Structures are given as C-alpha cells and as structure tokens.
C-alpha cells in the first residue's frame, strides 16, 4: 500500500519543510526548547 502523503513528501520536500517550520514557529517556543 502506497501512502499518497509520503509520495507527495518525496516530490515536494521543501514544501513540507516550510509548512513544518511555520507550524513550529506558531507554537510557544518554551515548550519546544529542551532544558539545557
């Protein structure tokens, strides 16, 4: 079974990355940063 999402990801990795970056940027950064 082929995932259409995975196929799209292989064809458009930069689109996926930019979307992911936008999502992460919209989140509170304090919850993402590990306690150093």
Protein backbone atom coordinates (compact mmCIF):
# COMPACT_ATOMS: atom_id res chain seq x y z
CA UNK A 1 0.00 0.00 0.00
CA UNK A 2 1.43 3.34 -1.07
CA UNK A 3 0.84 6.42 1.01
CA UNK A 4 -0.07 9.38 -1.17
CA UNK A 5 1.20 11.70 1.56
CA UNK A 6 4.61 10.01 1.54
CA UNK A 7 4.73 10.22 -2.25
CA UNK A 8 3.90 13.93 -2.08
CA UNK A 9 6.59 14.39 0.55
CA UNK A 10 9.20 12.77 -1.70
CA UNK A 11 8.20 15.04 -4.59
CA UNK A 12 7.94 18.26 -2.57
CA UNK A 13 10.24 18.05 0.48
CA UNK A 14 10.82 21.81 0.61
CA UNK A 15 7.08 22.45 0.75
CA UNK A 16 6.77 20.02 3.65
CA UNK A 17 9.70 21.59 5.50
CA UNK A 18 8.38 25.12 5.10
CA UNK A 19 4.96 24.04 6.35
CA UNK A 20 6.55 22.29 9.32
CA UNK A 21 8.65 25.36 10.10
CA UNK A 22 5.57 27.57 10.02
CA UNK A 23 3.78 25.18 12.37
CA UNK A 24 6.69 25.07 14.81
CA UNK A 25 7.02 28.86 14.70
CA UNK A 26 3.37 29.20 15.68
CA UNK A 27 3.90 27.17 18.85
CA UNK A 28 5.18 28.57 22.15
CA UNK A 29 8.95 28.18 21.87
CA UNK A 30 9.38 27.45 25.58
CA UNK A 31 7.58 24.12 25.14
CA UNK A 32 9.92 23.11 22.30
CA UNK A 33 13.27 24.07 23.76
CA UNK A 34 14.91 21.36 25.86
CA UNK A 35 16.07 22.41 29.30
CA UNK A 36 19.80 22.89 28.94
